[in-house]
Amino acid sequence: MHTPNPLAVLQVAADHNISEEQAATAIEWAAHMTVHAWESYADTLGLAKSDGDAMEAWFRSLAPGAQNAVLDDAVIAVVGADHVLSEIYGAQDRERVGRRRVMRANRPRVRIR
């Protein structure tokens, strides 16, 4: 997919009180969900999935609430995924208490005496 419009990202971030990274991910996720919904609709009616004009007409025919619900669902999914990941990483960090993280570098170790 392509990078979402920066102004749209800022608007979604402000509207949903999330980070810009979360907003960009949610916009992309909503776009993917919309494309999958279109493909299912096109298959059902025997339309060409690649017909961009038909897809735009289909999307405009949806109720505004349905269009917003796709983005809202994507925001919920992204925020939920971030929470799950933070819990996983937090649990891993708690297991490592007392152990130092190893820094890796692509250069030989030099000891200064």
PDB file of N, CA and C in Angstrom:
ATOM      1  N   MET A   1       0.847  -1.178   0.000  1.00  0.00           N
ATOM      2  CA  MET A   1       0.000   0.000   0.000  1.00  0.00           C
ATOM      3  C   MET A   1       0.895   1.245   0.000  1.00  0.00           C
ATOM      4  N   HIS A   2       0.322   2.359  -0.197  1.00  0.00           N
ATOM      5  CA  HIS A   2       1.069   3.611  -0.221  1.00  0.00           C
ATOM      6  C   HIS A   2       0.972   4.322   1.135  1.00  0.00           C
ATOM      7  N   THR A   3       1.752   5.352   1.294  1.00  0.00           N
ATOM      8  CA  THR A   3       1.732   6.132   2.529  1.00  0.00           C
ATOM      9  C   THR A   3       0.461   6.975   2.560  1.00  0.00           C
ATOM     10  N   PRO A   4      -0.279   6.942   3.666  1.00  0.00           N
ATOM     11  CA  PRO A   4      -1.506   7.744   3.754  1.00  0.00           C
ATOM     12  C   PRO A   4      -1.210   9.247   3.715  1.00  0.00           C
ATOM     13  N   ASN A   5      -2.203  10.006   3.326  1.00  0.00           N
ATOM     14  CA  ASN A   5      -2.118  11.460   3.294  1.00  0.00           C
ATOM     15  C   ASN A   5      -1.771  11.971   4.697  1.00  0.00           C
ATOM     16  N   PRO A   6      -0.704  12.761   4.839  1.00  0.00           N
ATOM     17  CA  PRO A   6      -0.295  13.239   6.164  1.00  0.00           C
ATOM     18  C   PRO A   6      -1.392  14.034   6.889  1.00  0.00           C
ATOM     19  N   LEU A   7      -2.187  14.798   6.151  1.00  0.00           N
ATOM     20  CA  LEU A   7      -3.266  15.554   6.802  1.00  0.00           C
ATOM     21  C   LEU A   7      -4.352  14.622   7.327  1.00  0.00           C
ATOM     22  N   ALA A   8      -4.625  13.554   6.577  1.00  0.00           N
ATOM     23  CA  ALA A   8      -5.601  12.561   7.044  1.00  0.00           C
ATOM     24  C   ALA A   8      -5.082  11.861   8.290  1.00  0.00           C
ATOM     25  N   VAL A   9      -3.782  11.574   8.303  1.00  0.00           N
ATOM     26  CA  VAL A   9      -3.171  10.933   9.470  1.00  0.00           C
ATOM     27  C   VAL A   9      -3.324  11.828  10.690  1.00  0.00           C
ATOM     28  N   LEU A  10      -3.021  13.112  10.539  1.00  0.00           N
ATOM     29  CA  LEU A  10      -3.153  14.048  11.662  1.00  0.00           C
ATOM     30  C   LEU A  10      -4.603  14.146  12.136  1.00  0.00           C
ATOM     31  N   GLN A  11      -5.536  14.176  11.194  1.00  0.00           N
ATOM     32  CA  GLN A  11      -6.953  14.276  11.546  1.00  0.00           C
ATOM     33  C   GLN A  11      -7.399  13.046  12.326  1.00  0.00           C
ATOM     34  N   VAL A  12      -7.040  11.857  11.856  1.00  0.00           N
ATOM     35  CA  VAL A  12      -7.426  10.622  12.546  1.00  0.00           C
ATOM     36  C   VAL A  12      -6.759  10.562  13.921  1.00  0.00           C
ATOM     37  N   ALA A  13      -5.493  10.945  13.988  1.00  0.00           N
ATOM     38  CA  ALA A  13      -4.786  10.935  15.274  1.00  0.00           C
ATOM     39  C   ALA A  13      -5.467  11.863  16.272  1.00  0.00           C
ATOM     40  N   ALA A  14      -5.855  13.039  15.818  1.00  0.00           N
ATOM     41  CA  ALA A  14      -6.517  14.001  16.707  1.00  0.00           C
ATOM     42  C   ALA A  14      -7.921  13.531  17.089  1.00  0.00           C
ATOM     43  N   ASP A  15      -8.663  13.006  16.122  1.00  0.00           N
ATOM     44  CA  ASP A  15     -10.037  12.571  16.385  1.00  0.00           C
ATOM     45  C   ASP A  15     -10.114  11.397  17.349  1.00  0.00           C
ATOM     46  N   HIS A  16      -9.118  10.512  17.277  1.00  0.00           N
ATOM     47  CA  HIS A  16      -9.163   9.285  18.085  1.00  0.00           C
ATOM     48  C   HIS A  16      -8.173   9.295  19.247  1.00  0.00           C
ATOM     49  N   ASN A  17      -7.442  10.406  19.390  1.00  0.00           N
ATOM     50  CA  ASN A  17      -6.479  10.551  20.484  1.00  0.00           C
ATOM     51  C   ASN A  17      -5.461   9.415  20.474  1.00  0.00           C
ATOM     52  N   ILE A  18      -4.857   9.194  19.301  1.00  0.00           N
ATOM     53  CA  ILE A  18      -3.837   8.167  19.130  1.00  0.00           C
ATOM     54  C   ILE A  18      -2.617   8.802  18.483  1.00  0.00           C
ATOM     55  N   SER A  19      -1.522   8.040  18.409  1.00  0.00           N
ATOM     56  CA  SER A  19      -0.306   8.570  17.792  1.00  0.00           C
ATOM     57  C   SER A  19      -0.464   8.618  16.272  1.00  0.00           C
ATOM     58  N   GLU A  20       0.407   9.383  15.631  1.00  0.00           N
ATOM     59  CA  GLU A  20       0.368   9.475  14.179  1.00  0.00           C
ATOM     60  C   GLU A  20       0.703   8.126  13.538  1.00  0.00           C
ATOM     61  N   GLU A  21       1.614   7.390  14.150  1.00  0.00           N
ATOM     62  CA  GLU A  21       1.964   6.060  13.632  1.00  0.00           C
ATOM     63  C   GLU A  21       0.755   5.126  13.704  1.00  0.00           C
ATOM     64  N   GLN A  22       0.042   5.168  14.817  1.00  0.00           N
ATOM     65  CA  GLN A  22      -1.166   4.346  14.949  1.00  0.00           C
ATOM     66  C   GLN A  22      -2.219   4.780  13.931  1.00  0.00           C
ATOM     67  N   ALA A  23      -2.353   6.078  13.733  1.00  0.00           N
ATOM     68  CA  ALA A  23      -3.344   6.586  12.774  1.00  0.00           C
ATOM     69  C   ALA A  23      -3.011   6.145  11.357  1.00  0.00           C
ATOM     70  N   ALA A  24      -1.741   6.233  10.971  1.00  0.00           N
ATOM     71  CA  ALA A  24      -1.334   5.808   9.626  1.00  0.00           C
ATOM     72  C   ALA A  24      -1.606   4.316   9.433  1.00  0.00           C
ATOM     73  N   THR A  25      -1.293   3.525  10.448  1.00  0.00           N
ATOM     74  CA  THR A  25      -1.539   2.084  10.370  1.00  0.00           C
ATOM     75  C   THR A  25      -3.034   1.808  10.264  1.00  0.00           C
ATOM     76  N   ALA A  26      -3.846   2.524  11.042  1.00  0.00           N
ATOM     77  CA  ALA A  26      -5.298   2.336  11.005  1.00  0.00           C
ATOM     78  C   ALA A  26      -5.872   2.711   9.638  1.00  0.00           C
ATOM     79  N   ILE A  27      -5.378   3.777   9.038  1.00  0.00           N
ATOM     80  CA  ILE A  27      -5.855   4.194   7.715  1.00  0.00           C
ATOM     81  C   ILE A  27      -5.525   3.115   6.679  1.00  0.00           C
ATOM     82  N   GLU A  28      -4.310   2.600   6.736  1.00  0.00           N
ATOM     83  CA  GLU A  28      -3.931   1.539   5.795  1.00  0.00           C
ATOM     84  C   GLU A  28      -4.774   0.283   6.030  1.00  0.00           C
ATOM     85  N   TRP A  29      -4.991  -0.057   7.304  1.00  0.00           N
ATOM     86  CA  TRP A  29      -5.797  -1.241   7.621  1.00  0.00           C
ATOM     87  C   TRP A  29      -7.229  -1.058   7.122  1.00  0.00           C
ATOM     88  N   ALA A  30      -7.792   0.118   7.315  1.00  0.00           N
ATOM     89  CA  ALA A  30      -9.153   0.396   6.833  1.00  0.00           C
ATOM     90  C   ALA A  30      -9.219   0.286   5.312  1.00  0.00           C
ATOM     91  N   ALA A  31      -8.173   0.755   4.639  1.00  0.00           N
ATOM     92  CA  ALA A  31      -8.137   0.655   3.174  1.00  0.00           C
ATOM     93  C   ALA A  31      -8.124  -0.814   2.740  1.00  0.00           C
ATOM     94  N   HIS A  32      -7.320  -1.627   3.429  1.00  0.00           N
ATOM     95  CA  HIS A  32      -7.279  -3.062   3.106  1.00  0.00           C
ATOM     96  C   HIS A  32      -8.644  -3.706   3.340  1.00  0.00           C
ATOM     97  N   MET A  33      -9.276  -3.384   4.444  1.00  0.00           N
ATOM     98  CA  MET A  33     -10.592  -3.966   4.741  1.00  0.00           C
ATOM     99  C   MET A  33     -11.627  -3.539   3.699  1.00  0.00           C
ATOM    100  N   THR A  34     -11.538  -2.291   3.247  1.00  0.00           N
ATOM    101  CA  THR A  34     -12.469  -1.797   2.234  1.00  0.00           C
ATOM    102  C   THR A  34     -12.271  -2.534   0.915  1.00  0.00           C
ATOM    103  N   VAL A  35     -11.019  -2.738   0.537  1.00  0.00           N
ATOM    104  CA  VAL A  35     -10.734  -3.461  -0.706  1.00  0.00           C
ATOM    105  C   VAL A  35     -11.250  -4.895  -0.618  1.00  0.00           C
ATOM    106  N   HIS A  36     -11.038  -5.551   0.523  1.00  0.00           N
ATOM    107  CA  HIS A  36     -11.533  -6.917   0.679  1.00  0.00           C
ATOM    108  C   HIS A  36     -13.068  -6.959   0.631  1.00  0.00           C
ATOM    109  N   ALA A  37     -13.715  -5.977   1.230  1.00  0.00           N
ATOM    110  CA  ALA A  37     -15.179  -5.923   1.176  1.00  0.00           C
ATOM    111  C   ALA A  37     -15.646  -5.715  -0.264  1.00  0.00           C
ATOM    112  N   TRP A  38     -14.963  -4.846  -1.006  1.00  0.00           N
ATOM    113  CA  TRP A  38     -15.313  -4.619  -2.406  1.00  0.00           C
ATOM    114  C   TRP A  38     -15.157  -5.908  -3.209  1.00  0.00           C
ATOM    115  N   GLU A  39     -14.054  -6.622  -2.992  1.00  0.00           N
ATOM    116  CA  GLU A  39     -13.817  -7.850  -3.745  1.00  0.00           C
ATOM    117  C   GLU A  39     -14.910  -8.886  -3.472  1.00  0.00           C
ATOM    118  N   SER A  40     -15.347  -8.972  -2.220  1.00  0.00           N
ATOM    119  CA  SER A  40     -16.436  -9.898  -1.893  1.00  0.00           C
ATOM    120  C   SER A  40     -17.724  -9.467  -2.583  1.00  0.00           C
ATOM    121  N   TYR A  41     -18.012  -8.177  -2.548  1.00  0.00           N
ATOM    122  CA  TYR A  41     -19.203  -7.631  -3.201  1.00  0.00           C
ATOM    123  C   TYR A  41     -19.147  -7.883  -4.710  1.00  0.00           C
ATOM    124  N   ALA A  42     -17.989  -7.610  -5.312  1.00  0.00           N
ATOM    125  CA  ALA A  42     -17.830  -7.789  -6.755  1.00  0.00           C
ATOM    126  C   ALA A  42     -17.994  -9.262  -7.135  1.00  0.00           C
ATOM    127  N   ASP A  43     -17.425 -10.151  -6.328  1.00  0.00           N
ATOM    128  CA  ASP A  43     -17.583 -11.592  -6.600  1.00  0.00           C
ATOM    129  C   ASP A  43     -19.049 -12.001  -6.544  1.00  0.00           C
ATOM    130  N   THR A  44     -19.762 -11.484  -5.545  1.00  0.00           N
ATOM    131  CA  THR A  44     -21.169 -11.845  -5.375  1.00  0.00           C
ATOM    132  C   THR A  44     -22.008 -11.422  -6.575  1.00  0.00           C
ATOM    133  N   LEU A  45     -21.720 -10.222  -7.099  1.00  0.00           N
ATOM    134  CA  LEU A  45     -22.513  -9.704  -8.223  1.00  0.00           C
ATOM    135  C   LEU A  45     -21.893  -9.979  -9.586  1.00  0.00           C
ATOM    136  N   GLY A  46     -20.755 -10.652  -9.598  1.00  0.00           N
ATOM    137  CA  GLY A  46     -20.110 -10.961 -10.873  1.00  0.00           C
ATOM    138  C   GLY A  46     -19.463  -9.768 -11.535  1.00  0.00           C
ATOM    139  N   LEU A  47     -19.066  -8.780 -10.741  1.00  0.00           N
ATOM    140  CA  LEU A  47     -18.405  -7.593 -11.288  1.00  0.00           C
ATOM    141  C   LEU A  47     -16.895  -7.817 -11.337  1.00  0.00           C
ATOM    142  N   ALA A  48     -16.226  -7.021 -12.156  1.00  0.00           N
ATOM    143  CA  ALA A  48     -14.768  -7.100 -12.242  1.00  0.00           C
ATOM    144  C   ALA A  48     -14.166  -6.420 -11.012  1.00  0.00           C
ATOM    145  N   LYS A  49     -13.316  -7.150 -10.282  1.00  0.00           N
ATOM    146  CA  LYS A  49     -12.682  -6.579  -9.088  1.00  0.00           C
ATOM    147  C   LYS A  49     -11.787  -5.397  -9.428  1.00  0.00           C
ATOM    148  N   SER A  50     -11.254  -5.394 -10.632  1.00  0.00           N
ATOM    149  CA  SER A  50     -10.315  -4.343 -11.030  1.00  0.00           C
ATOM    150  C   SER A  50     -10.999  -3.077 -11.536  1.00  0.00           C
ATOM    151  N   ASP A  51     -12.327  -3.047 -11.576  1.00  0.00           N
ATOM    152  CA  ASP A  51     -13.075  -1.885 -12.069  1.00  0.00           C
ATOM    153  C   ASP A  51     -13.094  -0.804 -10.981  1.00  0.00           C
ATOM    154  N   GLY A  52     -12.161   0.129 -11.107  1.00  0.00           N
ATOM    155  CA  GLY A  52     -12.022   1.188 -10.110  1.00  0.00           C
ATOM    156  C   GLY A  52     -13.239   2.094 -10.032  1.00  0.00           C
ATOM    157  N   ASP A  53     -13.855   2.377 -11.170  1.00  0.00           N
ATOM    158  CA  ASP A  53     -15.049   3.236 -11.174  1.00  0.00           C
ATOM    159  C   ASP A  53     -16.203   2.570 -10.433  1.00  0.00           C
ATOM    160  N   ALA A  54     -16.367   1.264 -10.644  1.00  0.00           N
ATOM    161  CA  ALA A  54     -17.434   0.530  -9.942  1.00  0.00           C
ATOM    162  C   ALA A  54     -17.162   0.497  -8.446  1.00  0.00           C
ATOM    163  N   MET A  55     -15.884   0.352  -8.084  1.00  0.00           N
ATOM    164  CA  MET A  55     -15.545   0.336  -6.661  1.00  0.00           C
ATOM    165  C   MET A  55     -15.850   1.685  -6.018  1.00  0.00           C
ATOM    166  N   GLU A  56     -15.500   2.764  -6.687  1.00  0.00           N
ATOM    167  CA  GLU A  56     -15.784   4.099  -6.161  1.00  0.00           C
ATOM    168  C   GLU A  56     -17.285   4.317  -6.019  1.00  0.00           C
ATOM    169  N   ALA A  57     -18.056   3.896  -7.018  1.00  0.00           N
ATOM    170  CA  ALA A  57     -19.517   4.039  -6.955  1.00  0.00           C
ATOM    171  C   ALA A  57     -20.080   3.214  -5.794  1.00  0.00           C
ATOM    172  N   TRP A  58     -19.558   2.003  -5.622  1.00  0.00           N
ATOM    173  CA  TRP A  58     -19.992   1.154  -4.507  1.00  0.00           C
ATOM    174  C   TRP A  58     -19.674   1.822  -3.173  1.00  0.00           C
ATOM    175  N   PHE A  59     -18.472   2.364  -3.047  1.00  0.00           N
ATOM    176  CA  PHE A  59     -18.068   2.992  -1.788  1.00  0.00           C
ATOM    177  C   PHE A  59     -18.928   4.219  -1.491  1.00  0.00           C
ATOM    178  N   ARG A  60     -19.236   5.018  -2.520  1.00  0.00           N
ATOM    179  CA  ARG A  60     -20.098   6.198  -2.324  1.00  0.00           C
ATOM    180  C   ARG A  60     -21.517   5.803  -1.950  1.00  0.00           C
ATOM    181  N   SER A  61     -21.934   4.599  -2.377  1.00  0.00           N
ATOM    182  CA  SER A  61     -23.293   4.156  -2.067  1.00  0.00           C
ATOM    183  C   SER A  61     -23.452   3.708  -0.615  1.00  0.00           C
ATOM    184  N   LEU A  62     -22.333   3.474   0.073  1.00  0.00           N
ATOM    185  CA  LEU A  62     -22.406   3.067   1.482  1.00  0.00           C
ATOM    186  C   LEU A  62     -22.853   4.244   2.338  1.00  0.00           C
ATOM    187  N   ALA A  63     -23.537   3.946   3.392  1.00  0.00           N
ATOM    188  CA  ALA A  63     -23.947   5.006   4.322  1.00  0.00           C
ATOM    189  C   ALA A  63     -22.703   5.610   4.969  1.00  0.00           C
ATOM    190  N   PRO A  64     -22.725   6.925   5.254  1.00  0.00           N
ATOM    191  CA  PRO A  64     -21.555   7.549   5.889  1.00  0.00           C
ATOM    192  C   PRO A  64     -21.154   6.851   7.197  1.00  0.00           C
ATOM    193  N   GLY A  65     -22.121   6.367   7.919  1.00  0.00           N
ATOM    194  CA  GLY A  65     -21.803   5.654   9.158  1.00  0.00           C
ATOM    195  C   GLY A  65     -21.011   4.389   8.897  1.00  0.00           C
ATOM    196  N   ALA A  66     -21.301   3.702   7.795  1.00  0.00           N
ATOM    197  CA  ALA A  66     -20.569   2.480   7.449  1.00  0.00           C
ATOM    198  C   ALA A  66     -19.133   2.811   7.068  1.00  0.00           C
ATOM    199  N   GLN A  67     -18.958   3.909   6.347  1.00  0.00           N
ATOM    200  CA  GLN A  67     -17.606   4.322   5.957  1.00  0.00           C
ATOM    201  C   GLN A  67     -16.773   4.651   7.201  1.00  0.00           C
ATOM    202  N   ASN A  68     -17.359   5.364   8.135  1.00  0.00           N
ATOM    203  CA  ASN A  68     -16.648   5.719   9.366  1.00  0.00           C
ATOM    204  C   ASN A  68     -16.422   4.512  10.252  1.00  0.00           C
ATOM    205  N   ALA A  69     -17.339   3.553  10.235  1.00  0.00           N
ATOM    206  CA  ALA A  69     -17.211   2.361  11.074  1.00  0.00           C
ATOM    207  C   ALA A  69     -15.990   1.538  10.683  1.00  0.00           C
ATOM    208  N   VAL A  70     -15.662   1.513   9.402  1.00  0.00           N
ATOM    209  CA  VAL A  70     -14.480   0.768   8.959  1.00  0.00           C
ATOM    210  C   VAL A  70     -13.224   1.364   9.589  1.00  0.00           C
ATOM    211  N   LEU A  71     -13.117   2.682   9.560  1.00  0.00           N
ATOM    212  CA  LEU A  71     -11.955   3.342  10.166  1.00  0.00           C
ATOM    213  C   LEU A  71     -11.963   3.167  11.680  1.00  0.00           C
ATOM    214  N   ASP A  72     -13.120   3.289  12.310  1.00  0.00           N
ATOM    215  CA  ASP A  72     -13.207   3.107  13.755  1.00  0.00           C
ATOM    216  C   ASP A  72     -12.777   1.702  14.162  1.00  0.00           C
ATOM    217  N   ASP A  73     -13.207   0.693  13.399  1.00  0.00           N
ATOM    218  CA  ASP A  73     -12.800  -0.683  13.677  1.00  0.00           C
ATOM    219  C   ASP A  73     -11.294  -0.858  13.525  1.00  0.00           C
ATOM    220  N   ALA A  74     -10.721  -0.213  12.521  1.00  0.00           N
ATOM    221  CA  ALA A  74      -9.276  -0.300  12.309  1.00  0.00           C
ATOM    222  C   ALA A  74      -8.517   0.360  13.455  1.00  0.00           C
ATOM    223  N   VAL A  75      -9.004   1.503  13.932  1.00  0.00           N
ATOM    224  CA  VAL A  75      -8.365   2.174  15.070  1.00  0.00           C
ATOM    225  C   VAL A  75      -8.408   1.273  16.300  1.00  0.00           C
ATOM    226  N   ILE A  76      -9.553   0.660  16.560  1.00  0.00           N
ATOM    227  CA  ILE A  76      -9.687  -0.243  17.711  1.00  0.00           C
ATOM    228  C   ILE A  76      -8.707  -1.407  17.592  1.00  0.00           C
ATOM    229  N   ALA A  77      -8.585  -1.964  16.388  1.00  0.00           N
ATOM    230  CA  ALA A  77      -7.667  -3.086  16.176  1.00  0.00           C
ATOM    231  C   ALA A  77      -6.214  -2.682  16.398  1.00  0.00           C
ATOM    232  N   VAL A  78      -5.831  -1.517  15.890  1.00  0.00           N
ATOM    233  CA  VAL A  78      -4.444  -1.058  16.021  1.00  0.00           C
ATOM    234  C   VAL A  78      -4.109  -0.748  17.482  1.00  0.00           C
ATOM    235  N   VAL A  79      -4.994  -0.053  18.164  1.00  0.00           N
ATOM    236  CA  VAL A  79      -4.746   0.272  19.575  1.00  0.00           C
ATOM    237  C   VAL A  79      -4.704  -1.015  20.404  1.00  0.00           C
ATOM    238  N   GLY A  80      -5.606  -1.941  20.115  1.00  0.00           N
ATOM    239  CA  GLY A  80      -5.600  -3.220  20.831  1.00  0.00           C
ATOM    240  C   GLY A  80      -4.317  -3.991  20.600  1.00  0.00           C
ATOM    241  N   ALA A  81      -3.833  -4.004  19.367  1.00  0.00           N
ATOM    242  CA  ALA A  81      -2.578  -4.696  19.054  1.00  0.00           C
ATOM    243  C   ALA A  81      -1.405  -4.056  19.786  1.00  0.00           C
ATOM    244  N   ASP A  82      -1.390  -2.728  19.851  1.00  0.00           N
ATOM    245  CA  ASP A  82      -0.321  -2.043  20.588  1.00  0.00           C
ATOM    246  C   ASP A  82      -0.334  -2.423  22.064  1.00  0.00           C
ATOM    247  N   HIS A  83      -1.534  -2.527  22.653  1.00  0.00           N
ATOM    248  CA  HIS A  83      -1.632  -2.907  24.064  1.00  0.00           C
ATOM    249  C   HIS A  83      -1.132  -4.330  24.283  1.00  0.00           C
ATOM    250  N   VAL A  84      -1.505  -5.238  23.398  1.00  0.00           N
ATOM    251  CA  VAL A  84      -1.055  -6.627  23.520  1.00  0.00           C
ATOM    252  C   VAL A  84       0.461  -6.704  23.401  1.00  0.00           C
ATOM    253  N   LEU A  85       1.011  -5.997  22.428  1.00  0.00           N
ATOM    254  CA  LEU A  85       2.464  -6.013  22.254  1.00  0.00           C
ATOM    255  C   LEU A  85       3.186  -5.419  23.459  1.00  0.00           C
ATOM    256  N   SER A  86       2.644  -4.352  24.021  1.00  0.00           N
ATOM    257  CA  SER A  86       3.301  -3.760  25.198  1.00  0.00           C
ATOM    258  C   SER A  86       3.250  -4.714  26.384  1.00  0.00           C
ATOM    259  N   GLU A  87       2.163  -5.480  26.520  1.00  0.00           N
ATOM    260  CA  GLU A  87       2.093  -6.477  27.585  1.00  0.00           C
ATOM    261  C   GLU A  87       3.109  -7.586  27.369  1.00  0.00           C
ATOM    262  N   ILE A  88       3.255  -8.033  26.135  1.00  0.00           N
ATOM    263  CA  ILE A  88       4.218  -9.095  25.823  1.00  0.00           C
ATOM    264  C   ILE A  88       5.639  -8.611  26.097  1.00  0.00           C
ATOM    265  N   TYR A  89       5.968  -7.422  25.599  1.00  0.00           N
ATOM    266  CA  TYR A  89       7.313  -6.901  25.813  1.00  0.00           C
ATOM    267  C   TYR A  89       7.569  -6.607  27.286  1.00  0.00           C
ATOM    268  N   GLY A  90       6.554  -6.142  27.997  1.00  0.00           N
ATOM    269  CA  GLY A  90       6.705  -5.905  29.434  1.00  0.00           C
ATOM    270  C   GLY A  90       6.979  -7.191  30.181  1.00  0.00           C
ATOM    271  N   ALA A  91       6.280  -8.266  29.818  1.00  0.00           N
ATOM    272  CA  ALA A  91       6.508  -9.564  30.464  1.00  0.00           C
ATOM    273  C   ALA A  91       7.911 -10.068  30.161  1.00  0.00           C
ATOM    274  N   GLN A  92       8.367  -9.900  28.931  1.00  0.00           N
ATOM    275  CA  GLN A  92       9.720 -10.324  28.586  1.00  0.00           C
ATOM    276  C   GLN A  92      10.758  -9.523  29.365  1.00  0.00           C
ATOM    277  N   ASP A  93      10.527  -8.227  29.511  1.00  0.00           N
ATOM    278  CA  ASP A  93      11.468  -7.390  30.258  1.00  0.00           C
ATOM    279  C   ASP A  93      11.497  -7.779  31.727  1.00  0.00           C
ATOM    280  N   ARG A  94      10.340  -8.131  32.297  1.00  0.00           N
ATOM    281  CA  ARG A  94      10.320  -8.549  33.699  1.00  0.00           C
ATOM    282  C   ARG A  94      11.071  -9.857  33.903  1.00  0.00           C
ATOM    283  N   GLU A  95      11.043 -10.729  32.904  1.00  0.00           N
ATOM    284  CA  GLU A  95      11.778 -11.986  32.991  1.00  0.00           C
ATOM    285  C   GLU A  95      13.280 -11.753  32.938  1.00  0.00           C
ATOM    286  N   ARG A  96      13.698 -10.685  32.333  1.00  0.00           N
ATOM    287  CA  ARG A  96      15.117 -10.389  32.166  1.00  0.00           C
ATOM    288  C   ARG A  96      15.699  -9.586  33.324  1.00  0.00           C
ATOM    289  N   VAL A  97      14.961  -9.378  34.375  1.00  0.00           N
ATOM    290  CA  VAL A  97      15.462  -8.575  35.490  1.00  0.00           C
ATOM    291  C   VAL A  97      16.768  -9.189  35.972  1.00  0.00           C
ATOM    292  N   GLY A  98      17.763  -8.372  36.083  1.00  0.00           N
ATOM    293  CA  GLY A  98      19.070  -8.843  36.537  1.00  0.00           C
ATOM    294  C   GLY A  98      19.986  -9.234  35.392  1.00  0.00           C
ATOM    295  N   ARG A  99      19.433  -9.523  34.251  1.00  0.00           N
ATOM    296  CA  ARG A  99      20.261  -9.843  33.086  1.00  0.00           C
ATOM    297  C   ARG A  99      20.378  -8.602  32.216  1.00  0.00           C
ATOM    298  N   ARG A 100      21.555  -8.344  31.767  1.00  0.00           N
ATOM    299  CA  ARG A 100      21.767  -7.185  30.905  1.00  0.00           C
ATOM    300  C   ARG A 100      21.442  -7.542  29.469  1.00  0.00           C
ATOM    301  N   ARG A 101      20.916  -6.581  28.765  1.00  0.00           N
ATOM    302  CA  ARG A 101      20.701  -6.775  27.336  1.00  0.00           C
ATOM    303  C   ARG A 101      22.041  -6.667  26.627  1.00  0.00           C
ATOM    304  N   VAL A 102      22.240  -7.515  25.674  1.00  0.00           N
ATOM    305  CA  VAL A 102      23.485  -7.526  24.930  1.00  0.00           C
ATOM    306  C   VAL A 102      23.358  -6.576  23.753  1.00  0.00           C
ATOM    307  N   MET A 103      24.316  -5.676  23.653  1.00  0.00           N
ATOM    308  CA  MET A 103      24.357  -4.797  22.488  1.00  0.00           C
ATOM    309  C   MET A 103      25.200  -5.478  21.429  1.00  0.00           C
ATOM    310  N   ARG A 104      24.693  -5.538  20.266  1.00  0.00           N
ATOM    311  CA  ARG A 104      25.421  -6.181  19.179  1.00  0.00           C
ATOM    312  C   ARG A 104      25.873  -5.110  18.191  1.00  0.00           C
ATOM    313  N   ALA A 105      27.052  -5.304  17.690  1.00  0.00           N
ATOM    314  CA  ALA A 105      27.589  -4.383  16.704  1.00  0.00           C
ATOM    315  C   ALA A 105      28.334  -5.201  15.648  1.00  0.00           C
ATOM    316  N   ASN A 106      28.503  -4.632  14.519  1.00  0.00           N
ATOM    317  CA  ASN A 106      29.210  -5.319  13.438  1.00  0.00           C
ATOM    318  C   ASN A 106      30.678  -4.965  13.424  1.00  0.00           C
ATOM    319  N   ARG A 107      31.226  -4.655  14.557  1.00  0.00           N
ATOM    320  CA  ARG A 107      32.647  -4.318  14.627  1.00  0.00           C
ATOM    321  C   ARG A 107      33.290  -5.100  15.763  1.00  0.00           C
ATOM    322  N   PRO A 108      34.568  -5.294  15.682  1.00  0.00           N
ATOM    323  CA  PRO A 108      35.243  -6.048  16.749  1.00  0.00           C
ATOM    324  C   PRO A 108      35.224  -5.276  18.059  1.00  0.00           C
ATOM    325  N   ARG A 109      35.202  -6.002  19.153  1.00  0.00           N
ATOM    326  CA  ARG A 109      35.202  -5.373  20.478  1.00  0.00           C
ATOM    327  C   ARG A 109      36.611  -4.887  20.800  1.00  0.00           C
ATOM    328  N   VAL A 110      36.693  -3.668  21.278  1.00  0.00           N
ATOM    329  CA  VAL A 110      37.970  -3.082  21.646  1.00  0.00           C
ATOM    330  C   VAL A 110      37.960  -2.852  23.149  1.00  0.00           C
ATOM    331  N   ARG A 111      38.979  -3.382  23.826  1.00  0.00           N
ATOM    332  CA  ARG A 111      39.071  -3.163  25.279  1.00  0.00           C
ATOM    333  C   ARG A 111      40.064  -2.036  25.547  1.00  0.00           C
ATOM    334  N   ILE A 112      39.618  -1.104  26.329  1.00  0.00           N
ATOM    335  CA  ILE A 112      40.479   0.031  26.692  1.00  0.00           C
ATOM    336  C   ILE A 112      40.992  -0.230  28.081  1.00  0.00           C
ATOM    337  N   ARG A 113      42.303  -0.187  28.253  1.00  0.00           N
ATOM    338  CA  ARG A 113      42.894  -0.454  29.577  1.00  0.00           C
ATOM    339  C   ARG A 113      43.458   0.783  30.180  1.00  0.00           C
TER     340      ARG A 113
END
